[in-house]
Amino acid sequence: MSRSRLTRRAFLGGAGAVVALPWLESLSRIGSGVARAADPLGGPQRVLFYYVPNGIHMPEWTPTNLGPGYDLPTILTPLVDIQSEVSVISGLANIPGIPDGPGDHAGGTSAFLTCAHAKKTEGKDIFLGISADQVIANAVGGETTFRSIELGMEGGGNLGGCDSGYSCAYSRNISWAGPAQPLPKTVSPELVFDRLFGGFDALATEEEKAKRKLYRTSVLDYVLGDAQALEPKLGATDRQKLEQYMDGVRELEKRIESGADEMTCDPGVRPDGPFNVVEQVEAMTDLMVLAMQCDRTRVLSFMLGNAGSNRSYDFLGVSGGHHGISHHQSLQENFDKLTIIDTWEVQQFANLVTKMSQIQEGESTLLDNSLVYFSSEVADGNSHDHTNLPVLLAGRGGGVHTPGRHFETSTNRPMADLFLSMMHAMAVPEAEFGNSTGVLDLT
């Protein structure tokens, strides 16, 4: 391996496969100089951004007390078993989401992760900004097979208008690689599985498993040879790290030989549709957890529905479409329906967080090594408020977030400040983002 090729993401390769090296100071000086996300609790750091459409019925959302042990209004009751892992943040605003005239759902959704003001157009001349997840992906995406993964529940293209003169691109995407580059989401669990785990066969015969085992053992033999060749090029500290790494590879060889490693990060059986809404979100939840657990990506975004979604929730006993109900006109009947829908949405988020908390990573968990953000494009779906947005933040981000609290920011503090903090948790030291004013203290 030549010195010119010792970049921030370094590999030892052999037999047509590669195995990622541990972070080494000697190699980082040669590379881009940007460290990967810190992992003080033992695992790589991840971020996941979770969007729900049409706002939240805030009177049944907001806790009445601050600090740990906050009360759980009806909509937050699904958090009862994981409350210590989730913070409620009040006071944040996303002012760039205020549209030019009508179009609050498109405006708020376009700004959801970009904190940028969308150009009002139904044509191809869309213009917005890069989203927070993609700022992070640009820095850490090279560490994994997929720099980021964009998922959702409702499809649709970007052409034409979807909300009062705003392009459908603004309503159907929250991840943007650039001002005119929305990243389309995948809504089929089967396609997500194929993309993440193509080539894996959960139904492989014993003969096929034996061949795979032999191949993996051969790869590690090559890796050890490459590692030994690299050792003279490293400083004393890095040689010690590399020796520890090689010990780990040797241990992995033993695990493969004994069969103990065969089920490591087994994605299981490919999902098989068709799916109803409940089955689809359950499959997507499992796939998001697997993508992080298997380190296929460390940056994810998920849309539980498109902006202005008018999905039926008749499976919850709710008549009418969601968007129509969100324009509640202060009718108690609609408040009751929204409370049922919003509680179900929080339940899906709670299911995700619970699954993440159950996956051990050394002395920590997948959730400990993640930040999971939940919000909507507006607060109230009738008045279309872009202030005091509903926000949940789960996980510890490797130690940068103290969860289990309800805390308030100063009035209308930019949402971009929270995203700046999440970037820093991922070792992406951006000085500013969107309309940010500074890093939001999450401890």
Protein backbone atom coordinates (compact mmCIF):
# COMPACT_ATOMS: atom_id res chain seq x y z
CA MET A 1 0.00 0.00 0.00
CA SER A 2 1.69 3.23 -1.12
CA ARG A 3 1.87 6.24 1.19
CA SER A 4 -0.17 8.33 -1.24
CA ARG A 5 -3.09 5.95 -0.78
CA LEU A 6 -3.16 6.10 3.03
CA THR A 7 -6.27 8.27 3.22
CA ARG A 8 -8.72 8.96 6.05
CA ARG A 9 -10.63 5.83 5.11
CA ALA A 10 -7.92 3.20 4.89
CA PHE A 11 -8.36 -0.46 4.08
CA LEU A 12 -6.51 -3.69 4.12
CA GLY A 13 -7.56 -5.70 1.10
CA GLY A 14 -7.30 -9.19 -0.23
CA ALA A 15 -9.13 -11.81 -2.29
CA GLY A 16 -11.48 -9.23 -3.74
CA ALA A 17 -12.63 -7.87 -0.39
CA VAL A 18 -11.65 -5.11 2.00
CA VAL A 19 -11.63 -4.77 5.77
CA ALA A 20 -11.64 -1.27 7.26
CA LEU A 21 -8.67 -0.30 9.40
CA PRO A 22 -9.10 1.28 12.82
CA TRP A 23 -8.53 5.04 13.01
CA LEU A 24 -4.80 5.64 13.04
CA GLU A 25 -3.14 8.98 13.73
CA SER A 26 -0.42 8.34 11.15
CA LEU A 27 -3.01 7.84 8.44
CA SER A 28 -5.23 10.75 9.46
CA ARG A 29 -2.34 13.19 9.02
CA ILE A 30 -1.97 12.01 5.45
CA GLY A 31 -5.68 12.19 4.69
CA SER A 32 -8.18 15.00 4.80
CA GLY A 33 -7.53 15.93 8.41
CA VAL A 34 -11.18 15.45 9.36
CA ALA A 35 -11.59 12.93 12.16
CA ARG A 36 -14.43 10.47 12.07
CA ALA A 37 -17.22 10.72 14.63
CA ALA A 38 -15.90 10.23 18.13
CA ASP A 39 -16.84 6.99 19.81
CA PRO A 40 -16.14 7.42 23.56
CA LEU A 41 -18.73 4.76 24.41
CA GLY A 42 -17.31 2.21 22.03
CA GLY A 43 -19.28 2.40 18.78
CA PRO A 44 -19.48 4.61 15.71
CA GLN A 45 -21.89 7.53 16.00
CA ARG A 46 -25.08 7.68 13.95
CA VAL A 47 -27.81 10.23 13.28
CA LEU A 48 -31.37 9.58 12.18
CA PHE A 49 -33.91 12.25 11.24
CA TYR A 50 -37.57 11.24 11.60
CA TYR A 51 -40.28 13.36 9.93
CA VAL A 52 -44.03 13.22 10.51
CA PRO A 53 -46.46 15.30 8.42
CA ASN A 54 -49.18 17.84 9.21
CA GLY A 55 -47.97 19.00 12.60
CA ILE A 56 -48.97 17.83 16.08
CA HIS A 57 -51.91 18.63 18.36
CA MET A 58 -49.72 20.59 20.77
CA PRO A 59 -52.10 20.76 23.80
CA GLU A 60 -51.80 16.96 24.08
CA TRP A 61 -48.05 17.03 23.41
CA THR A 62 -46.32 19.57 25.63
CA PRO A 63 -45.30 18.46 29.16
CA THR A 64 -46.32 20.86 31.93
CA ASN A 65 -43.04 20.54 33.83
CA LEU A 66 -39.37 20.92 32.90
CA GLY A 67 -36.38 18.73 33.66
CA PRO A 68 -36.16 14.97 34.28
CA GLY A 69 -39.36 13.09 35.05
CA TYR A 70 -41.48 15.27 32.80
CA ASP A 71 -45.14 14.33 32.64
CA LEU A 72 -46.45 12.50 29.60
CA PRO A 73 -49.47 14.09 27.91
CA THR A 74 -51.58 11.69 25.86
CA ILE A 75 -49.55 11.92 22.65
CA LEU A 76 -46.29 11.20 24.49
CA THR A 77 -47.58 8.19 26.45
CA PRO A 78 -45.85 5.73 24.06
CA LEU A 79 -42.58 6.99 25.59
CA VAL A 80 -43.45 5.63 29.03
CA ASP A 81 -40.92 2.76 28.94
CA ILE A 82 -38.13 4.76 27.28
CA GLN A 83 -38.67 8.20 28.78
CA SER A 84 -35.17 8.20 30.26
CA GLU A 85 -33.79 7.92 26.72
CA VAL A 86 -35.82 10.74 25.13
CA SER A 87 -35.79 14.50 25.62
CA VAL A 88 -38.62 16.85 24.72
CA ILE A 89 -37.34 20.20 23.42
CA SER A 90 -39.66 23.21 23.38
CA GLY A 91 -39.13 26.65 21.88
CA LEU A 92 -37.36 25.85 18.61
CA ALA A 93 -38.47 27.52 15.39
CA ASN A 94 -37.72 27.06 11.70
CA ILE A 95 -38.47 30.53 10.35
CA PRO A 96 -37.02 29.82 6.86
CA GLY A 97 -39.96 27.43 6.43
CA ILE A 98 -42.46 30.30 6.31
CA PRO A 99 -43.57 30.35 2.66
CA ASP A 100 -44.15 33.18 0.23
CA GLY A 101 -47.92 33.28 0.57
CA PRO A 102 -49.75 29.94 0.90
CA GLY A 103 -47.79 26.69 0.97
CA ASP A 104 -46.81 26.11 4.59
CA HIS A 105 -46.50 22.34 4.28
CA ALA A 106 -44.09 22.56 1.34
CA GLY A 107 -42.25 25.48 2.91
CA GLY A 108 -41.90 23.78 6.27
CA THR A 109 -40.92 20.42 4.81
CA SER A 110 -38.34 21.92 2.49
CA ALA A 111 -36.80 23.69 5.48
CA PHE A 112 -37.17 20.65 7.76
CA LEU A 113 -33.49 19.70 7.49
CA THR A 114 -32.12 22.53 5.34
CA CYS A 115 -33.21 25.50 7.47
CA ALA A 116 -33.36 27.32 4.14
CA HIS A 117 -36.10 29.27 2.35
CA ALA A 118 -37.35 27.54 -0.79
CA LYS A 119 -37.77 29.33 -4.08
CA LYS A 120 -41.47 29.28 -4.93
CA THR A 121 -41.83 27.43 -8.21
CA GLU A 122 -43.64 24.48 -9.72
CA GLY A 123 -41.02 24.15 -12.44
CA LYS A 124 -37.58 22.61 -12.65
CA ASP A 125 -35.88 25.73 -11.28
CA ILE A 126 -36.15 24.59 -7.66
CA PHE A 127 -33.66 26.16 -5.27
CA LEU A 128 -33.17 25.44 -1.58
CA GLY A 129 -29.99 24.38 0.24
CA ILE A 130 -28.07 21.41 1.54
CA SER A 131 -29.71 19.50 4.39
CA ALA A 132 -28.14 18.78 7.77
CA ASP A 133 -27.98 15.05 7.16
CA GLN A 134 -26.04 15.60 3.96
CA VAL A 135 -23.55 17.94 5.61
CA ILE A 136 -22.85 15.08 7.99
CA ALA A 137 -22.85 12.48 5.20
CA ASN A 138 -20.29 14.51 3.24
CA ALA A 139 -17.94 14.26 6.21
CA VAL A 140 -18.50 10.72 7.49
CA GLY A 141 -20.19 8.92 4.61
CA GLY A 142 -16.92 7.49 3.37
CA GLU A 143 -16.72 5.31 6.47
CA THR A 144 -19.59 3.07 5.35
CA THR A 145 -20.95 1.37 2.24
CA PHE A 146 -23.74 3.94 1.94
CA ARG A 147 -22.98 7.56 2.74
CA SER A 148 -26.63 8.04 3.69
CA ILE A 149 -29.98 6.31 3.34
CA GLU A 150 -33.25 8.11 2.58
CA LEU A 151 -36.46 6.22 3.38
CA GLY A 152 -40.17 6.93 3.50
CA MET A 153 -43.70 5.62 3.42
CA GLU A 154 -45.24 7.51 0.50
CA GLY A 155 -43.74 7.85 -2.95
CA GLY A 156 -44.31 10.27 -5.80
CA GLY A 157 -42.11 12.20 -8.20
CA ASN A 158 -40.73 15.71 -8.02
CA LEU A 159 -42.38 17.23 -11.09
CA GLY A 160 -45.35 19.57 -10.92
CA GLY A 161 -46.87 21.39 -8.00
CA CYS A 162 -48.04 19.84 -4.73
CA ASP A 163 -48.78 22.81 -2.49
CA SER A 164 -49.98 26.27 -3.51
CA GLY A 165 -47.39 26.92 -6.20
CA TYR A 166 -44.55 24.93 -4.67
CA SER A 167 -42.86 22.06 -6.50
CA CYS A 168 -43.57 18.53 -5.36
CA ALA A 169 -39.83 18.24 -4.74
CA TYR A 170 -40.29 20.40 -1.66
CA SER A 171 -43.11 18.23 -0.29
CA ARG A 172 -41.64 14.79 -0.94
CA ASN A 173 -38.01 15.14 0.13
CA ILE A 174 -36.26 16.21 3.31
CA SER A 175 -32.71 15.26 2.24
CA TRP A 176 -30.99 17.62 -0.18
CA ALA A 177 -27.45 17.15 -1.51
CA GLY A 178 -27.49 20.72 -2.80
CA PRO A 179 -29.84 23.60 -3.62
CA ALA A 180 -31.30 21.81 -6.64
CA GLN A 181 -30.56 18.19 -5.65
CA PRO A 182 -33.33 16.51 -3.65
CA LEU A 183 -32.45 12.94 -2.74
CA PRO A 184 -35.42 10.66 -3.47
CA LYS A 185 -36.45 8.27 -0.76
CA THR A 186 -37.10 4.55 -1.08
CA VAL A 187 -40.54 3.44 0.12
CA SER A 188 -40.43 -0.28 -0.65
CA PRO A 189 -39.06 -2.46 2.18
CA GLU A 190 -38.06 -5.11 -0.38
CA LEU A 191 -35.97 -2.61 -2.34
CA VAL A 192 -34.39 -1.27 0.84
CA PHE A 193 -33.38 -4.77 1.89
CA ASP A 194 -31.95 -5.55 -1.55
CA ARG A 195 -29.96 -2.35 -1.54
CA LEU A 196 -28.57 -2.85 1.95
CA PHE A 197 -27.97 -6.58 1.90
CA GLY A 198 -27.76 -7.64 -1.72
CA GLY A 199 -26.02 -11.00 -1.99
CA PHE A 200 -26.95 -12.21 1.48
CA ASP A 201 -28.87 -15.47 1.48
CA ALA A 202 -30.62 -16.35 4.72
CA LEU A 203 -31.66 -19.68 3.18
CA ALA A 204 -28.17 -20.76 2.11
CA THR A 205 -27.39 -24.49 2.30
CA GLU A 206 -24.71 -25.86 4.60
CA GLU A 207 -22.41 -26.31 1.61
CA GLU A 208 -22.88 -22.67 0.60
CA LYS A 209 -22.26 -21.52 4.16
CA ALA A 210 -19.06 -23.59 4.26
CA LYS A 211 -17.81 -21.95 1.07
CA ARG A 212 -18.56 -18.50 2.49
CA LYS A 213 -16.75 -19.41 5.70
CA LEU A 214 -13.67 -20.57 3.76
CA TYR A 215 -13.70 -17.40 1.67
CA ARG A 216 -13.94 -15.14 4.73
CA THR A 217 -11.08 -16.98 6.43
CA SER A 218 -8.95 -16.58 3.30
CA VAL A 219 -9.70 -12.86 3.19
CA LEU A 220 -8.53 -12.42 6.77
CA ASP A 221 -5.29 -14.27 5.97
CA TYR A 222 -4.64 -11.71 3.25
CA VAL A 223 -5.57 -8.89 5.62
CA LEU A 224 -3.05 -10.01 8.21
CA GLY A 225 -0.37 -10.12 5.54
CA ASP A 226 -1.16 -6.59 4.40
CA ALA A 227 -1.20 -5.37 8.00
CA GLN A 228 2.26 -6.77 8.63
CA ALA A 229 3.54 -5.00 5.51
CA LEU A 230 2.03 -1.71 6.68
CA GLU A 231 3.49 -1.85 10.19
CA PRO A 232 6.99 -0.44 9.40
CA LYS A 233 5.39 2.74 7.99
CA LEU A 234 3.65 3.63 11.26
CA GLY A 235 4.69 5.46 14.39
CA ALA A 236 4.98 3.73 17.74
CA THR A 237 1.47 4.62 18.89
CA ASP A 238 -0.10 3.49 15.64
CA ARG A 239 1.91 0.27 15.62
CA GLN A 240 0.38 -0.52 18.99
CA LYS A 241 -3.10 0.22 17.62
CA LEU A 242 -2.44 -1.90 14.57
CA GLU A 243 -1.26 -4.79 16.73
CA GLN A 244 -4.50 -4.57 18.70
CA TYR A 245 -6.38 -4.53 15.41
CA MET A 246 -4.48 -7.60 14.18
CA ASP A 247 -5.32 -9.35 17.45
CA GLY A 248 -8.94 -8.57 16.69
CA VAL A 249 -8.62 -10.02 13.19
CA ARG A 250 -7.07 -13.18 14.61
CA GLU A 251 -9.93 -13.40 17.10
CA LEU A 252 -12.38 -12.97 14.23
CA GLU A 253 -10.66 -15.85 12.44
CA LYS A 254 -11.22 -18.02 15.50
CA ARG A 255 -14.86 -16.96 15.66
CA ILE A 256 -15.36 -17.80 12.00
CA GLU A 257 -13.66 -21.15 12.47
CA SER A 258 -15.89 -21.98 15.43
CA GLY A 259 -19.00 -20.66 13.72
CA ALA A 260 -19.59 -18.10 16.47
CA ASP A 261 -19.45 -15.24 13.98
CA GLU A 262 -21.81 -16.75 11.43
CA MET A 263 -24.88 -14.90 12.70
CA THR A 264 -23.19 -11.56 13.31
CA CYS A 265 -25.38 -8.85 11.83
CA ASP A 266 -27.64 -11.34 10.12
CA PRO A 267 -30.30 -9.27 8.31
CA GLY A 268 -32.70 -12.19 8.35
CA VAL A 269 -35.22 -12.93 5.62
CA ARG A 270 -36.07 -10.41 2.93
CA PRO A 271 -39.38 -8.60 3.60
CA ASP A 272 -42.17 -9.82 1.37
CA GLY A 273 -45.07 -7.50 0.49
CA PRO A 274 -47.58 -6.28 -0.25
CA PHE A 275 -47.73 -4.32 2.99
CA ASN A 276 -50.43 -2.35 4.70
CA VAL A 277 -49.38 0.84 6.49
CA VAL A 278 -48.69 -0.88 9.81
CA GLU A 279 -46.64 -3.65 8.19
CA GLN A 280 -44.73 -1.18 6.04
CA VAL A 281 -43.65 1.04 8.93
CA GLU A 282 -42.70 -2.02 11.00
CA ALA A 283 -40.52 -3.31 8.15
CA MET A 284 -38.94 0.11 7.65
CA THR A 285 -38.22 0.38 11.37
CA ASP A 286 -36.45 -2.98 11.38
CA LEU A 287 -34.46 -2.04 8.28
CA MET A 288 -33.33 1.27 9.76
CA VAL A 289 -32.09 -0.52 12.86
CA LEU A 290 -30.32 -3.16 10.76
CA ALA A 291 -28.68 -0.52 8.57
CA MET A 292 -27.14 1.07 11.67
CA GLN A 293 -26.40 -2.17 13.50
CA CYS A 294 -24.60 -3.58 10.46
CA ASP A 295 -22.85 -0.24 9.89
CA ARG A 296 -24.14 -0.02 6.33
CA THR A 297 -24.68 3.69 6.93
CA ARG A 298 -24.47 6.14 9.82
CA VAL A 299 -26.79 8.79 8.40
CA LEU A 300 -30.50 8.16 7.81
CA SER A 301 -33.65 10.14 7.13
CA PHE A 302 -37.21 8.85 7.23
CA MET A 303 -40.54 10.39 6.20
CA LEU A 304 -43.58 8.79 7.82
CA GLY A 305 -45.61 10.60 5.16
CA ASN A 306 -45.23 13.30 2.54
CA ALA A 307 -46.00 16.92 3.33
CA GLY A 308 -49.74 17.44 3.44
CA SER A 309 -50.32 13.68 3.46
CA ASN A 310 -54.01 12.86 3.43
CA ARG A 311 -53.53 9.21 4.39
CA SER A 312 -56.50 7.43 5.90
CA TYR A 313 -56.14 6.17 9.45
CA ASP A 314 -59.24 4.05 9.38
CA PHE A 315 -57.15 1.21 10.84
CA LEU A 316 -57.10 3.34 14.01
CA GLY A 317 -60.83 3.94 13.85
CA VAL A 318 -60.34 7.47 12.51
CA SER A 319 -62.49 8.59 9.58
CA GLY A 320 -61.26 11.16 7.07
CA GLY A 321 -57.84 12.04 5.68
CA HIS A 322 -54.99 13.27 7.87
CA HIS A 323 -54.42 16.62 6.16
CA GLY A 324 -58.10 17.43 6.18
CA ILE A 325 -58.37 16.59 9.87
CA SER A 326 -55.29 18.69 10.67
CA HIS A 327 -57.26 21.74 9.51
CA HIS A 328 -59.28 21.17 12.64
CA GLN A 329 -61.18 24.47 12.79
CA SER A 330 -61.03 24.12 16.58
CA LEU A 331 -63.54 21.27 16.53
CA GLN A 332 -63.18 18.82 19.42
CA GLU A 333 -63.98 15.92 17.10
CA ASN A 334 -60.91 16.76 15.03
CA PHE A 335 -58.78 17.30 18.14
CA ASP A 336 -59.69 13.79 19.26
CA LYS A 337 -58.82 12.34 15.85
CA LEU A 338 -55.49 14.18 15.73
CA THR A 339 -54.60 12.94 19.19
CA ILE A 340 -55.14 9.35 18.06
CA ILE A 341 -53.05 9.84 14.88
CA ASP A 342 -50.25 11.72 16.64
CA THR A 343 -50.07 9.13 19.42
CA TRP A 344 -49.70 6.40 16.80
CA GLU A 345 -46.87 8.37 15.15
CA VAL A 346 -45.01 8.70 18.45
CA GLN A 347 -45.55 4.98 19.02
CA GLN A 348 -43.70 4.22 15.77
CA PHE A 349 -40.83 6.43 16.90
CA ALA A 350 -40.85 4.73 20.31
CA ASN A 351 -40.68 1.32 18.63
CA LEU A 352 -37.57 2.42 16.74
CA VAL A 353 -35.88 3.84 19.82
CA THR A 354 -36.71 0.75 21.87
CA LYS A 355 -35.18 -1.57 19.28
CA MET A 356 -32.04 0.57 19.17
CA SER A 357 -31.75 0.47 22.97
CA GLN A 358 -31.76 -3.34 22.92
CA ILE A 359 -28.68 -3.72 20.69
CA GLN A 360 -25.45 -3.90 22.65
CA GLU A 361 -22.25 -2.33 21.35
CA GLY A 362 -19.59 -3.21 23.85
CA GLU A 363 -20.50 -1.51 27.11
CA SER A 364 -22.99 0.79 25.37
CA THR A 365 -25.95 0.36 23.03
CA LEU A 366 -26.76 1.38 19.50
CA LEU A 367 -29.00 4.08 20.96
CA ASP A 368 -26.22 5.38 23.22
CA ASN A 369 -24.14 5.88 20.09
CA SER A 370 -26.86 7.69 18.15
CA LEU A 371 -28.96 10.84 18.04
CA VAL A 372 -32.50 10.33 16.76
CA TYR A 373 -34.48 13.47 15.92
CA PHE A 374 -38.28 13.59 15.58
CA SER A 375 -40.36 16.55 14.41
CA SER A 376 -42.87 17.90 11.89
CA GLU A 377 -42.88 20.71 9.33
CA VAL A 378 -45.31 22.80 11.39
CA ALA A 379 -46.57 22.80 14.95
CA ASP A 380 -50.33 23.21 14.61
CA GLY A 381 -51.72 21.91 11.33
CA ASN A 382 -54.48 24.50 11.19
CA SER A 383 -52.56 27.69 11.97
CA HIS A 384 -49.39 26.37 10.29
CA ASP A 385 -47.05 27.65 13.00
CA HIS A 386 -43.34 27.43 12.27
CA THR A 387 -42.46 28.32 15.87
CA ASN A 388 -42.36 26.19 19.03
CA LEU A 389 -42.16 23.09 16.88
CA PRO A 390 -42.66 19.63 18.39
CA VAL A 391 -39.22 18.08 18.89
CA LEU A 392 -38.01 14.82 20.41
CA LEU A 393 -34.35 13.87 20.67
CA ALA A 394 -33.39 10.32 21.64
CA GLY A 395 -30.01 8.75 22.32
CA ARG A 396 -26.82 10.09 23.84
CA GLY A 397 -24.74 10.76 20.77
CA GLY A 398 -21.73 9.19 22.42
CA GLY A 399 -22.16 11.44 25.45
CA VAL A 400 -23.08 14.86 24.01
CA HIS A 401 -26.79 14.60 24.93
CA THR A 402 -28.26 13.99 28.36
CA PRO A 403 -31.66 12.47 27.55
CA GLY A 404 -34.77 12.06 29.66
CA ARG A 405 -35.52 15.76 30.12
CA HIS A 406 -37.99 18.38 28.97
CA PHE A 407 -36.16 21.62 28.35
CA GLU A 408 -37.01 24.94 26.75
CA THR A 409 -34.78 27.03 24.56
CA SER A 410 -35.05 30.78 24.26
CA THR A 411 -38.15 31.79 22.31
CA ASN A 412 -37.88 30.97 18.60
CA ARG A 413 -34.29 29.78 18.79
CA PRO A 414 -33.37 28.48 15.32
CA MET A 415 -33.75 24.76 14.70
CA ALA A 416 -30.43 25.09 12.89
CA ASP A 417 -28.71 25.44 16.27
CA LEU A 418 -29.84 21.93 17.21
CA PHE A 419 -28.61 20.58 13.89
CA LEU A 420 -25.27 22.31 14.45
CA SER A 421 -25.00 20.46 17.76
CA MET A 422 -25.84 17.17 16.06
CA MET A 423 -23.13 17.85 13.48
CA HIS A 424 -20.60 18.43 16.23
CA ALA A 425 -21.65 15.17 17.86
CA MET A 426 -20.71 13.48 14.59
CA ALA A 427 -17.30 15.22 14.64
CA VAL A 428 -18.38 17.59 11.87
CA PRO A 429 -17.20 20.94 13.29
CA GLU A 430 -19.29 23.28 11.14
CA ALA A 431 -19.18 26.87 12.38
CA GLU A 432 -22.64 27.66 11.04
CA PHE A 433 -25.56 26.09 9.24
CA GLY A 434 -28.67 27.66 7.75
CA ASN A 435 -29.80 30.48 10.03
CA SER A 436 -27.91 29.17 13.06
CA THR A 437 -26.81 31.44 15.88
CA GLY A 438 -24.67 28.96 17.80
CA VAL A 439 -24.46 25.44 19.17
CA LEU A 440 -27.36 24.32 21.37
CA ASP A 441 -26.14 22.77 24.62
CA LEU A 442 -27.66 19.29 24.90
CA THR A 443 -26.05 18.28 28.19
